[in-house]
Each structure stands twice: as C-alpha cells, then as structure tokens.
Amino acid sequence: MKNAEAVLLVKFNSSLNPEDLMKTCQEDLEDFRNVPGLLQKYYISEESTGAISGFYVFENKEARAAFWNSDLAKSIPARYGVVPSTLRVEQYEMAIVLNDALFA
C-alpha cells in the first residue's frame, strides 16, 4: 500500500471562461497521471467565489517538492489563466486518513 504523507493545495481565480478552463484541465490529465509520487489530484471549485483549486496528494514531501519545482507546475499560471493576486499555495502534512484504501 502506498502511504499518503504530503498534500499541496493550489487555489486561484482564473481569467479563463469555465469551458476553456475545464478543457485545459482535461488536456492535462495524462501529464498529472505521470507525476512521480502523485497519488491523487482533485480539481475543485469554491461555489461562493468561483475560485479553482488543485488538491494534490503525494507519497511524501520529496515528491511534492519535486513536482512544485517541475516544468509542469511552473506552467500552471499561464495554462490555467491564474489571476496572480488570487494565487494561494499551501503545503500540509497528512495527519489522519479516513479511507486510506483510496491510496492503495
């Protein structure tokens, strides 16, 4: 079983219209599937503000750091139309997992 130890949350508002944003997300799925140590990624949106978030679950902090320093991560602002003043990046350590079988 793979253990989930590190989480990354990237939250922002986008200058793209919702259809173009979803198209970009779909186009990038395979690239994210190939990120070493990335166990899961959730694309979520905040209903009240329209903010978009990428919620990433990694095997460990090293995989999270490697991703955040990768060309793929560096391409996020331009590809997703990130409004710079709204960008928020948070890193967390996994404390308790309710359904750890999800990461098996």
PDB file of N, CA and C in Angstrom:
ATOM      1  N   MET A   1       0.831  -1.177   0.000  1.00  0.00           N
ATOM      2  CA  MET A   1       0.000   0.000   0.000  1.00  0.00           C
ATOM      3  C   MET A   1       0.880   1.246   0.000  1.00  0.00           C
ATOM      4  N   LYS A   2       0.511   2.216  -0.794  1.00  0.00           N
ATOM      5  CA  LYS A   2       1.223   3.485  -0.828  1.00  0.00           C
ATOM      6  C   LYS A   2       0.673   4.378   0.277  1.00  0.00           C
ATOM      7  N   ASN A   3       1.556   4.994   1.010  1.00  0.00           N
ATOM      8  CA  ASN A   3       1.141   5.911   2.067  1.00  0.00           C
ATOM      9  C   ASN A   3       1.102   7.333   1.531  1.00  0.00           C
ATOM     10  N   ALA A   4       0.111   8.056   1.938  1.00  0.00           N
ATOM     11  CA  ALA A   4      -0.010   9.461   1.579  1.00  0.00           C
ATOM     12  C   ALA A   4       0.533  10.279   2.739  1.00  0.00           C
ATOM     13  N   GLU A   5       1.567  11.071   2.487  1.00  0.00           N
ATOM     14  CA  GLU A   5       2.198  11.838   3.554  1.00  0.00           C
ATOM     15  C   GLU A   5       2.133  13.343   3.356  1.00  0.00           C
ATOM     16  N   ALA A   6       1.937  13.804   2.124  1.00  0.00           N
ATOM     17  CA  ALA A   6       2.045  15.238   1.856  1.00  0.00           C
ATOM     18  C   ALA A   6       0.914  15.708   0.945  1.00  0.00           C
ATOM     19  N   VAL A   7       0.441  16.904   1.220  1.00  0.00           N
ATOM     20  CA  VAL A   7      -0.653  17.496   0.451  1.00  0.00           C
ATOM     21  C   VAL A   7      -0.222  18.884  -0.027  1.00  0.00           C
ATOM     22  N   LEU A   8      -0.672  19.230  -1.212  1.00  0.00           N
ATOM     23  CA  LEU A   8      -0.441  20.554  -1.778  1.00  0.00           C
ATOM     24  C   LEU A   8      -1.786  21.097  -2.235  1.00  0.00           C
ATOM     25  N   LEU A   9      -2.085  22.321  -1.856  1.00  0.00           N
ATOM     26  CA  LEU A   9      -3.305  22.989  -2.295  1.00  0.00           C
ATOM     27  C   LEU A   9      -2.902  24.240  -3.065  1.00  0.00           C
ATOM     28  N   VAL A  10      -3.357  24.325  -4.313  1.00  0.00           N
ATOM     29  CA  VAL A  10      -3.094  25.487  -5.162  1.00  0.00           C
ATOM     30  C   VAL A  10      -4.452  26.085  -5.507  1.00  0.00           C
ATOM     31  N   LYS A  11      -4.728  27.268  -4.979  1.00  0.00           N
ATOM     32  CA  LYS A  11      -6.049  27.897  -5.141  1.00  0.00           C
ATOM     33  C   LYS A  11      -5.883  29.238  -5.852  1.00  0.00           C
ATOM     34  N   PHE A  12      -6.814  29.515  -6.787  1.00  0.00           N
ATOM     35  CA  PHE A  12      -6.729  30.756  -7.554  1.00  0.00           C
ATOM     36  C   PHE A  12      -8.040  31.026  -8.276  1.00  0.00           C
ATOM     37  N   ASN A  13      -8.179  32.257  -8.710  1.00  0.00           N
ATOM     38  CA  ASN A  13      -9.222  32.605  -9.659  1.00  0.00           C
ATOM     39  C   ASN A  13      -8.573  32.609 -11.029  1.00  0.00           C
ATOM     40  N   SER A  14      -9.378  32.287 -12.038  1.00  0.00           N
ATOM     41  CA  SER A  14      -8.858  32.166 -13.392  1.00  0.00           C
ATOM     42  C   SER A  14      -9.459  33.232 -14.293  1.00  0.00           C
ATOM     43  N   SER A  15      -8.637  33.689 -15.232  1.00  0.00           N
ATOM     44  CA  SER A  15      -9.121  34.632 -16.242  1.00  0.00           C
ATOM     45  C   SER A  15      -9.797  33.902 -17.403  1.00  0.00           C
ATOM     46  N   LEU A  16      -9.695  32.565 -17.423  1.00  0.00           N
ATOM     47  CA  LEU A  16     -10.323  31.771 -18.484  1.00  0.00           C
ATOM     48  C   LEU A  16     -11.813  31.605 -18.216  1.00  0.00           C
ATOM     49  N   ASN A  17     -12.596  31.466 -19.263  1.00  0.00           N
ATOM     50  CA  ASN A  17     -14.007  31.163 -19.037  1.00  0.00           C
ATOM     51  C   ASN A  17     -14.099  29.705 -18.589  1.00  0.00           C
ATOM     52  N   PRO A  18     -15.176  29.334 -17.905  1.00  0.00           N
ATOM     53  CA  PRO A  18     -15.277  27.979 -17.334  1.00  0.00           C
ATOM     54  C   PRO A  18     -15.086  26.853 -18.349  1.00  0.00           C
ATOM     55  N   GLU A  19     -15.577  27.024 -19.563  1.00  0.00           N
ATOM     56  CA  GLU A  19     -15.441  25.975 -20.576  1.00  0.00           C
ATOM     57  C   GLU A  19     -13.975  25.771 -20.971  1.00  0.00           C
ATOM     58  N   ASP A  20     -13.260  26.868 -21.193  1.00  0.00           N
ATOM     59  CA  ASP A  20     -11.842  26.772 -21.558  1.00  0.00           C
ATOM     60  C   ASP A  20     -11.010  26.214 -20.409  1.00  0.00           C
ATOM     61  N   LEU A  21     -11.359  26.594 -19.190  1.00  0.00           N
ATOM     62  CA  LEU A  21     -10.644  26.086 -18.029  1.00  0.00           C
ATOM     63  C   LEU A  21     -10.821  24.570 -17.916  1.00  0.00           C
ATOM     64  N   MET A  22     -12.044  24.072 -18.063  1.00  0.00           N
ATOM     65  CA  MET A  22     -12.287  22.628 -17.981  1.00  0.00           C
ATOM     66  C   MET A  22     -11.601  21.886 -19.124  1.00  0.00           C
ATOM     67  N   LYS A  23     -11.552  22.500 -20.297  1.00  0.00           N
ATOM     68  CA  LYS A  23     -10.859  21.888 -21.430  1.00  0.00           C
ATOM     69  C   LYS A  23      -9.368  21.739 -21.113  1.00  0.00           C
ATOM     70  N   THR A  24      -8.777  22.770 -20.546  1.00  0.00           N
ATOM     71  CA  THR A  24      -7.364  22.719 -20.171  1.00  0.00           C
ATOM     72  C   THR A  24      -7.127  21.638 -19.120  1.00  0.00           C
ATOM     73  N   CYS A  25      -8.003  21.564 -18.140  1.00  0.00           N
ATOM     74  CA  CYS A  25      -7.878  20.526 -17.107  1.00  0.00           C
ATOM     75  C   CYS A  25      -7.902  19.138 -17.737  1.00  0.00           C
ATOM     76  N   GLN A  26      -8.830  18.920 -18.639  1.00  0.00           N
ATOM     77  CA  GLN A  26      -8.937  17.622 -19.313  1.00  0.00           C
ATOM     78  C   GLN A  26      -7.682  17.317 -20.126  1.00  0.00           C
ATOM     79  N   GLU A  27      -7.167  18.308 -20.817  1.00  0.00           N
ATOM     80  CA  GLU A  27      -5.973  18.119 -21.646  1.00  0.00           C
ATOM     81  C   GLU A  27      -4.753  17.737 -20.816  1.00  0.00           C
ATOM     82  N   ASP A  28      -4.704  18.196 -19.576  1.00  0.00           N
ATOM     83  CA  ASP A  28      -3.522  17.972 -18.738  1.00  0.00           C
ATOM     84  C   ASP A  28      -3.601  16.718 -17.865  1.00  0.00           C
ATOM     85  N   LEU A  29      -4.707  16.000 -17.900  1.00  0.00           N
ATOM     86  CA  LEU A  29      -4.867  14.838 -17.020  1.00  0.00           C
ATOM     87  C   LEU A  29      -3.729  13.832 -17.154  1.00  0.00           C
ATOM     88  N   GLU A  30      -3.343  13.502 -18.362  1.00  0.00           N
ATOM     89  CA  GLU A  30      -2.302  12.488 -18.540  1.00  0.00           C
ATOM     90  C   GLU A  30      -0.963  12.962 -17.989  1.00  0.00           C
ATOM     91  N   ASP A  31      -0.663  14.240 -18.160  1.00  0.00           N
ATOM     92  CA  ASP A  31       0.581  14.776 -17.595  1.00  0.00           C
ATOM     93  C   ASP A  31       0.591  14.611 -16.076  1.00  0.00           C
ATOM     94  N   PHE A  32      -0.538  14.890 -15.429  1.00  0.00           N
ATOM     95  CA  PHE A  32      -0.597  14.754 -13.975  1.00  0.00           C
ATOM     96  C   PHE A  32      -0.575  13.284 -13.551  1.00  0.00           C
ATOM     97  N   ARG A  33      -1.143  12.412 -14.347  1.00  0.00           N
ATOM     98  CA  ARG A  33      -1.091  10.976 -14.024  1.00  0.00           C
ATOM     99  C   ARG A  33       0.352  10.464 -13.994  1.00  0.00           C
ATOM    100  N   ASN A  34       1.242  11.118 -14.710  1.00  0.00           N
ATOM    101  CA  ASN A  34       2.630  10.682 -14.813  1.00  0.00           C
ATOM    102  C   ASN A  34       3.574  11.383 -13.842  1.00  0.00           C
ATOM    103  N   VAL A  35       3.056  12.166 -12.926  1.00  0.00           N
ATOM    104  CA  VAL A  35       3.911  12.838 -11.945  1.00  0.00           C
ATOM    105  C   VAL A  35       4.360  11.808 -10.908  1.00  0.00           C
ATOM    106  N   PRO A  36       5.670  11.598 -10.762  1.00  0.00           N
ATOM    107  CA  PRO A  36       6.157  10.632  -9.778  1.00  0.00           C
ATOM    108  C   PRO A  36       5.717  10.991  -8.355  1.00  0.00           C
ATOM    109  N   GLY A  37       5.161  10.025  -7.657  1.00  0.00           N
ATOM    110  CA  GLY A  37       4.767  10.218  -6.267  1.00  0.00           C
ATOM    111  C   GLY A  37       3.424  10.885  -6.062  1.00  0.00           C
ATOM    112  N   LEU A  38       2.758  11.316  -7.139  1.00  0.00           N
ATOM    113  CA  LEU A  38       1.428  11.920  -7.015  1.00  0.00           C
ATOM    114  C   LEU A  38       0.397  10.803  -6.990  1.00  0.00           C
ATOM    115  N   LEU A  39      -0.290  10.670  -5.866  1.00  0.00           N
ATOM    116  CA  LEU A  39      -1.271   9.599  -5.710  1.00  0.00           C
ATOM    117  C   LEU A  39      -2.648   9.988  -6.223  1.00  0.00           C
ATOM    118  N   GLN A  40      -3.001  11.261  -6.054  1.00  0.00           N
ATOM    119  CA  GLN A  40      -4.332  11.708  -6.450  1.00  0.00           C
ATOM    120  C   GLN A  40      -4.310  13.220  -6.621  1.00  0.00           C
ATOM    121  N   LYS A  41      -5.118  13.695  -7.544  1.00  0.00           N
ATOM    122  CA  LYS A  41      -5.322  15.131  -7.704  1.00  0.00           C
ATOM    123  C   LYS A  41      -6.810  15.364  -7.848  1.00  0.00           C
ATOM    124  N   TYR A  42      -7.303  16.328  -7.104  1.00  0.00           N
ATOM    125  CA  TYR A  42      -8.707  16.726  -7.192  1.00  0.00           C
ATOM    126  C   TYR A  42      -8.766  18.136  -7.766  1.00  0.00           C
ATOM    127  N   TYR A  43      -9.616  18.332  -8.741  1.00  0.00           N
ATOM    128  CA  TYR A  43      -9.912  19.658  -9.260  1.00  0.00           C
ATOM    129  C   TYR A  43     -11.199  20.065  -8.557  1.00  0.00           C
ATOM    130  N   ILE A  44     -11.153  21.137  -7.782  1.00  0.00           N
ATOM    131  CA  ILE A  44     -12.334  21.553  -7.036  1.00  0.00           C
ATOM    132  C   ILE A  44     -12.584  23.040  -7.260  1.00  0.00           C
ATOM    133  N   SER A  45     -13.842  23.447  -7.085  1.00  0.00           N
ATOM    134  CA  SER A  45     -14.170  24.862  -7.217  1.00  0.00           C
ATOM    135  C   SER A  45     -14.979  25.307  -6.014  1.00  0.00           C
ATOM    136  N   GLU A  46     -14.742  26.534  -5.620  1.00  0.00           N
ATOM    137  CA  GLU A  46     -15.435  27.117  -4.477  1.00  0.00           C
ATOM    138  C   GLU A  46     -16.703  27.796  -4.989  1.00  0.00           C
ATOM    139  N   GLU A  47     -17.831  27.329  -4.533  1.00  0.00           N
ATOM    140  CA  GLU A  47     -19.105  27.834  -5.050  1.00  0.00           C
ATOM    141  C   GLU A  47     -19.291  29.328  -4.822  1.00  0.00           C
ATOM    142  N   SER A  48     -18.904  29.820  -3.653  1.00  0.00           N
ATOM    143  CA  SER A  48     -19.190  31.219  -3.325  1.00  0.00           C
ATOM    144  C   SER A  48     -18.320  32.218  -4.082  1.00  0.00           C
ATOM    145  N   THR A  49     -17.084  31.836  -4.449  1.00  0.00           N
ATOM    146  CA  THR A  49     -16.176  32.791  -5.087  1.00  0.00           C
ATOM    147  C   THR A  49     -15.794  32.419  -6.513  1.00  0.00           C
ATOM    148  N   GLY A  50     -16.029  31.177  -6.893  1.00  0.00           N
ATOM    149  CA  GLY A  50     -15.607  30.704  -8.203  1.00  0.00           C
ATOM    150  C   GLY A  50     -14.134  30.345  -8.257  1.00  0.00           C
ATOM    151  N   ALA A  51     -13.447  30.402  -7.112  1.00  0.00           N
ATOM    152  CA  ALA A  51     -12.024  30.049  -7.076  1.00  0.00           C
ATOM    153  C   ALA A  51     -11.865  28.570  -7.425  1.00  0.00           C
ATOM    154  N   ILE A  52     -10.769  28.268  -8.099  1.00  0.00           N
ATOM    155  CA  ILE A  52     -10.433  26.912  -8.517  1.00  0.00           C
ATOM    156  C   ILE A  52      -9.276  26.441  -7.655  1.00  0.00           C
ATOM    157  N   SER A  53      -9.288  25.168  -7.299  1.00  0.00           N
ATOM    158  CA  SER A  53      -8.173  24.613  -6.540  1.00  0.00           C
ATOM    159  C   SER A  53      -7.749  23.285  -7.127  1.00  0.00           C
ATOM    160  N   GLY A  54      -6.465  23.069  -7.060  1.00  0.00           N
ATOM    161  CA  GLY A  54      -5.904  21.754  -7.302  1.00  0.00           C
ATOM    162  C   GLY A  54      -5.496  21.218  -5.946  1.00  0.00           C
ATOM    163  N   PHE A  55      -6.049  20.091  -5.561  1.00  0.00           N
ATOM    164  CA  PHE A  55      -5.743  19.463  -4.272  1.00  0.00           C
ATOM    165  C   PHE A  55      -4.964  18.196  -4.596  1.00  0.00           C
ATOM    166  N   TYR A  56      -3.683  18.190  -4.273  1.00  0.00           N
ATOM    167  CA  TYR A  56      -2.774  17.115  -4.659  1.00  0.00           C
ATOM    168  C   TYR A  56      -2.383  16.295  -3.433  1.00  0.00           C
ATOM    169  N   VAL A  57      -2.391  14.973  -3.574  1.00  0.00           N
ATOM    170  CA  VAL A  57      -1.966  14.080  -2.501  1.00  0.00           C
ATOM    171  C   VAL A  57      -0.729  13.324  -2.984  1.00  0.00           C
ATOM    172  N   PHE A  58       0.368  13.470  -2.240  1.00  0.00           N
ATOM    173  CA  PHE A  58       1.649  12.876  -2.612  1.00  0.00           C
ATOM    174  C   PHE A  58       2.086  11.800  -1.630  1.00  0.00           C
ATOM    175  N   GLU A  59       2.930  10.898  -2.119  1.00  0.00           N
ATOM    176  CA  GLU A  59       3.511   9.864  -1.266  1.00  0.00           C
ATOM    177  C   GLU A  59       4.345  10.475  -0.149  1.00  0.00           C
ATOM    178  N   ASN A  60       5.085  11.555  -0.463  1.00  0.00           N
ATOM    179  CA  ASN A  60       5.962  12.149   0.546  1.00  0.00           C
ATOM    180  C   ASN A  60       6.288  13.598   0.162  1.00  0.00           C
ATOM    181  N   LYS A  61       6.962  14.277   1.089  1.00  0.00           N
ATOM    182  CA  LYS A  61       7.300  15.684   0.878  1.00  0.00           C
ATOM    183  C   LYS A  61       8.279  15.871  -0.277  1.00  0.00           C
ATOM    184  N   GLU A  62       9.155  14.896  -0.483  1.00  0.00           N
ATOM    185  CA  GLU A  62      10.123  14.992  -1.566  1.00  0.00           C
ATOM    186  C   GLU A  62       9.433  14.985  -2.933  1.00  0.00           C
ATOM    187  N   ALA A  63       8.415  14.131  -3.087  1.00  0.00           N
ATOM    188  CA  ALA A  63       7.657  14.084  -4.341  1.00  0.00           C
ATOM    189  C   ALA A  63       6.902  15.391  -4.557  1.00  0.00           C
ATOM    190  N   ARG A  64       6.356  15.924  -3.467  1.00  0.00           N
ATOM    191  CA  ARG A  64       5.643  17.205  -3.565  1.00  0.00           C
ATOM    192  C   ARG A  64       6.601  18.309  -4.000  1.00  0.00           C
ATOM    193  N   ALA A  65       7.788  18.373  -3.398  1.00  0.00           N
ATOM    194  CA  ALA A  65       8.774  19.396  -3.743  1.00  0.00           C
ATOM    195  C   ALA A  65       9.243  19.240  -5.182  1.00  0.00           C
ATOM    196  N   ALA A  66       9.479  17.997  -5.597  1.00  0.00           N
ATOM    197  CA  ALA A  66       9.921  17.758  -6.978  1.00  0.00           C
ATOM    198  C   ALA A  66       8.862  18.230  -7.962  1.00  0.00           C
ATOM    199  N   PHE A  67       7.602  17.948  -7.668  1.00  0.00           N
ATOM    200  CA  PHE A  67       6.535  18.416  -8.549  1.00  0.00           C
ATOM    201  C   PHE A  67       6.498  19.939  -8.590  1.00  0.00           C
ATOM    202  N   TRP A  68       6.532  20.582  -7.428  1.00  0.00           N
ATOM    203  CA  TRP A  68       6.383  22.036  -7.374  1.00  0.00           C
ATOM    204  C   TRP A  68       7.519  22.749  -8.092  1.00  0.00           C
ATOM    205  N   ASN A  69       8.655  22.088  -8.241  1.00  0.00           N
ATOM    206  CA  ASN A  69       9.798  22.655  -8.963  1.00  0.00           C
ATOM    207  C   ASN A  69       9.863  22.192 -10.418  1.00  0.00           C
ATOM    208  N   SER A  70       8.868  21.443 -10.861  1.00  0.00           N
ATOM    209  CA  SER A  70       8.859  20.879 -12.214  1.00  0.00           C
ATOM    210  C   SER A  70       8.353  21.887 -13.251  1.00  0.00           C
ATOM    211  N   ASP A  71       8.629  21.594 -14.510  1.00  0.00           N
ATOM    212  CA  ASP A  71       8.118  22.419 -15.605  1.00  0.00           C
ATOM    213  C   ASP A  71       6.591  22.395 -15.638  1.00  0.00           C
ATOM    214  N   LEU A  72       5.997  21.238 -15.297  1.00  0.00           N
ATOM    215  CA  LEU A  72       4.534  21.134 -15.292  1.00  0.00           C
ATOM    216  C   LEU A  72       3.935  22.120 -14.290  1.00  0.00           C
ATOM    217  N   ALA A  73       4.459  22.160 -13.088  1.00  0.00           N
ATOM    218  CA  ALA A  73       3.943  23.091 -12.077  1.00  0.00           C
ATOM    219  C   ALA A  73       4.182  24.539 -12.496  1.00  0.00           C
ATOM    220  N   LYS A  74       5.342  24.798 -13.063  1.00  0.00           N
ATOM    221  CA  LYS A  74       5.658  26.163 -13.492  1.00  0.00           C
ATOM    222  C   LYS A  74       4.762  26.636 -14.627  1.00  0.00           C
ATOM    223  N   SER A  75       4.153  25.700 -15.367  1.00  0.00           N
ATOM    224  CA  SER A  75       3.265  26.073 -16.469  1.00  0.00           C
ATOM    225  C   SER A  75       1.843  26.387 -16.008  1.00  0.00           C
ATOM    226  N   ILE A  76       1.517  26.081 -14.772  1.00  0.00           N
ATOM    227  CA  ILE A  76       0.141  26.253 -14.275  1.00  0.00           C
ATOM    228  C   ILE A  76      -0.360  27.695 -14.414  1.00  0.00           C
ATOM    229  N   PRO A  77       0.377  28.709 -13.975  1.00  0.00           N
ATOM    230  CA  PRO A  77      -0.174  30.073 -14.065  1.00  0.00           C
ATOM    231  C   PRO A  77      -0.621  30.478 -15.468  1.00  0.00           C
ATOM    232  N   ALA A  78       0.192  30.212 -16.464  1.00  0.00           N
ATOM    233  CA  ALA A  78      -0.174  30.602 -17.830  1.00  0.00           C
ATOM    234  C   ALA A  78      -1.276  29.722 -18.394  1.00  0.00           C
ATOM    235  N   ARG A  79      -1.155  28.406 -18.217  1.00  0.00           N
ATOM    236  CA  ARG A  79      -2.133  27.485 -18.816  1.00  0.00           C
ATOM    237  C   ARG A  79      -3.523  27.638 -18.204  1.00  0.00           C
ATOM    238  N   TYR A  80      -3.585  27.926 -16.928  1.00  0.00           N
ATOM    239  CA  TYR A  80      -4.866  27.988 -16.233  1.00  0.00           C
ATOM    240  C   TYR A  80      -5.370  29.407 -16.022  1.00  0.00           C
ATOM    241  N   GLY A  81      -4.684  30.372 -16.604  1.00  0.00           N
ATOM    242  CA  GLY A  81      -5.141  31.760 -16.503  1.00  0.00           C
ATOM    243  C   GLY A  81      -5.189  32.263 -15.072  1.00  0.00           C
ATOM    244  N   VAL A  82      -4.193  31.901 -14.272  1.00  0.00           N
ATOM    245  CA  VAL A  82      -4.182  32.294 -12.863  1.00  0.00           C
ATOM    246  C   VAL A  82      -4.122  33.811 -12.734  1.00  0.00           C
ATOM    247  N   VAL A  83      -5.041  34.361 -11.969  1.00  0.00           N
ATOM    248  CA  VAL A  83      -5.003  35.774 -11.618  1.00  0.00           C
ATOM    249  C   VAL A  83      -4.005  35.891 -10.461  1.00  0.00           C
ATOM    250  N   PRO A  84      -2.831  36.493 -10.701  1.00  0.00           N
ATOM    251  CA  PRO A  84      -1.744  36.455  -9.713  1.00  0.00           C
ATOM    252  C   PRO A  84      -2.132  36.873  -8.295  1.00  0.00           C
ATOM    253  N   SER A  85      -2.934  37.897  -8.166  1.00  0.00           N
ATOM    254  CA  SER A  85      -3.285  38.397  -6.829  1.00  0.00           C
ATOM    255  C   SER A  85      -4.158  37.420  -6.049  1.00  0.00           C
ATOM    256  N   THR A  86      -4.701  36.408  -6.716  1.00  0.00           N
ATOM    257  CA  THR A  86      -5.577  35.445  -6.030  1.00  0.00           C
ATOM    258  C   THR A  86      -4.877  34.132  -5.716  1.00  0.00           C
ATOM    259  N   LEU A  87      -3.661  33.952  -6.180  1.00  0.00           N
ATOM    260  CA  LEU A  87      -2.959  32.690  -6.008  1.00  0.00           C
ATOM    261  C   LEU A  87      -2.598  32.451  -4.543  1.00  0.00           C
ATOM    262  N   ARG A  88      -2.967  31.272  -4.074  1.00  0.00           N
ATOM    263  CA  ARG A  88      -2.618  30.842  -2.722  1.00  0.00           C
ATOM    264  C   ARG A  88      -2.097  29.415  -2.807  1.00  0.00           C
ATOM    265  N   VAL A  89      -0.910  29.167  -2.269  1.00  0.00           N
ATOM    266  CA  VAL A  89      -0.303  27.844  -2.281  1.00  0.00           C
ATOM    267  C   VAL A  89      -0.054  27.432  -0.837  1.00  0.00           C
ATOM    268  N   GLU A  90      -0.581  26.264  -0.473  1.00  0.00           N
ATOM    269  CA  GLU A  90      -0.430  25.772   0.892  1.00  0.00           C
ATOM    270  C   GLU A  90       0.076  24.341   0.864  1.00  0.00           C
ATOM    271  N   GLN A  91       0.966  24.039   1.792  1.00  0.00           N
ATOM    272  CA  GLN A  91       1.504  22.690   1.917  1.00  0.00           C
ATOM    273  C   GLN A  91       1.126  22.139   3.287  1.00  0.00           C
ATOM    274  N   TYR A  92       0.709  20.874   3.285  1.00  0.00           N
ATOM    275  CA  TYR A  92       0.288  20.216   4.515  1.00  0.00           C
ATOM    276  C   TYR A  92       0.944  18.848   4.631  1.00  0.00           C
ATOM    277  N   GLU A  93       1.060  18.387   5.863  1.00  0.00           N
ATOM    278  CA  GLU A  93       1.454  17.009   6.119  1.00  0.00           C
ATOM    279  C   GLU A  93       0.182  16.235   6.449  1.00  0.00           C
ATOM    280  N   MET A  94       0.107  15.007   5.975  1.00  0.00           N
ATOM    281  CA  MET A  94      -1.056  14.177   6.226  1.00  0.00           C
ATOM    282  C   MET A  94      -1.057  13.762   7.699  1.00  0.00           C
ATOM    283  N   ALA A  95      -2.180  13.935   8.368  1.00  0.00           N
ATOM    284  CA  ALA A  95      -2.284  13.569   9.782  1.00  0.00           C
ATOM    285  C   ALA A  95      -3.075  12.267   9.947  1.00  0.00           C
ATOM    286  N   ILE A  96      -4.306  12.262   9.492  1.00  0.00           N
ATOM    287  CA  ILE A  96      -5.179  11.091   9.604  1.00  0.00           C
ATOM    288  C   ILE A  96      -5.913  10.935   8.282  1.00  0.00           C
ATOM    289  N   VAL A  97      -6.028   9.700   7.812  1.00  0.00           N
ATOM    290  CA  VAL A  97      -6.745   9.423   6.572  1.00  0.00           C
ATOM    291  C   VAL A  97      -7.911   8.498   6.896  1.00  0.00           C
ATOM    292  N   LEU A  98      -9.104   8.943   6.584  1.00  0.00           N
ATOM    293  CA  LEU A  98     -10.298   8.144   6.862  1.00  0.00           C
ATOM    294  C   LEU A  98     -10.334   6.871   6.028  1.00  0.00           C
ATOM    295  N   ASN A  99     -10.174   7.008   4.724  1.00  0.00           N
ATOM    296  CA  ASN A  99     -10.259   5.862   3.814  1.00  0.00           C
ATOM    297  C   ASN A  99      -8.918   5.651   3.138  1.00  0.00           C
ATOM    298  N   ASP A 100      -7.936   5.163   3.882  1.00  0.00           N
ATOM    299  CA  ASP A 100      -6.599   5.027   3.328  1.00  0.00           C
ATOM    300  C   ASP A 100      -6.532   4.004   2.201  1.00  0.00           C
ATOM    301  N   ALA A 101      -7.557   3.183   2.053  1.00  0.00           N
ATOM    302  CA  ALA A 101      -7.576   2.222   0.936  1.00  0.00           C
ATOM    303  C   ALA A 101      -7.623   2.960  -0.411  1.00  0.00           C
ATOM    304  N   LEU A 102      -8.053   4.223  -0.406  1.00  0.00           N
ATOM    305  CA  LEU A 102      -8.087   5.002  -1.634  1.00  0.00           C
ATOM    306  C   LEU A 102      -6.709   5.193  -2.220  1.00  0.00           C
ATOM    307  N   PHE A 103      -5.683   5.089  -1.392  1.00  0.00           N
ATOM    308  CA  PHE A 103      -4.326   5.328  -1.849  1.00  0.00           C
ATOM    309  C   PHE A 103      -3.528   4.035  -1.937  1.00  0.00           C
ATOM    310  N   ALA A 104      -4.210   2.913  -1.988  1.00  0.00           N
ATOM    311  CA  ALA A 104      -3.544   1.619  -2.051  1.00  0.00           C
ATOM    312  C   ALA A 104      -3.011   1.358  -3.445  1.00  0.00           C
TER     313      ALA A 104
END
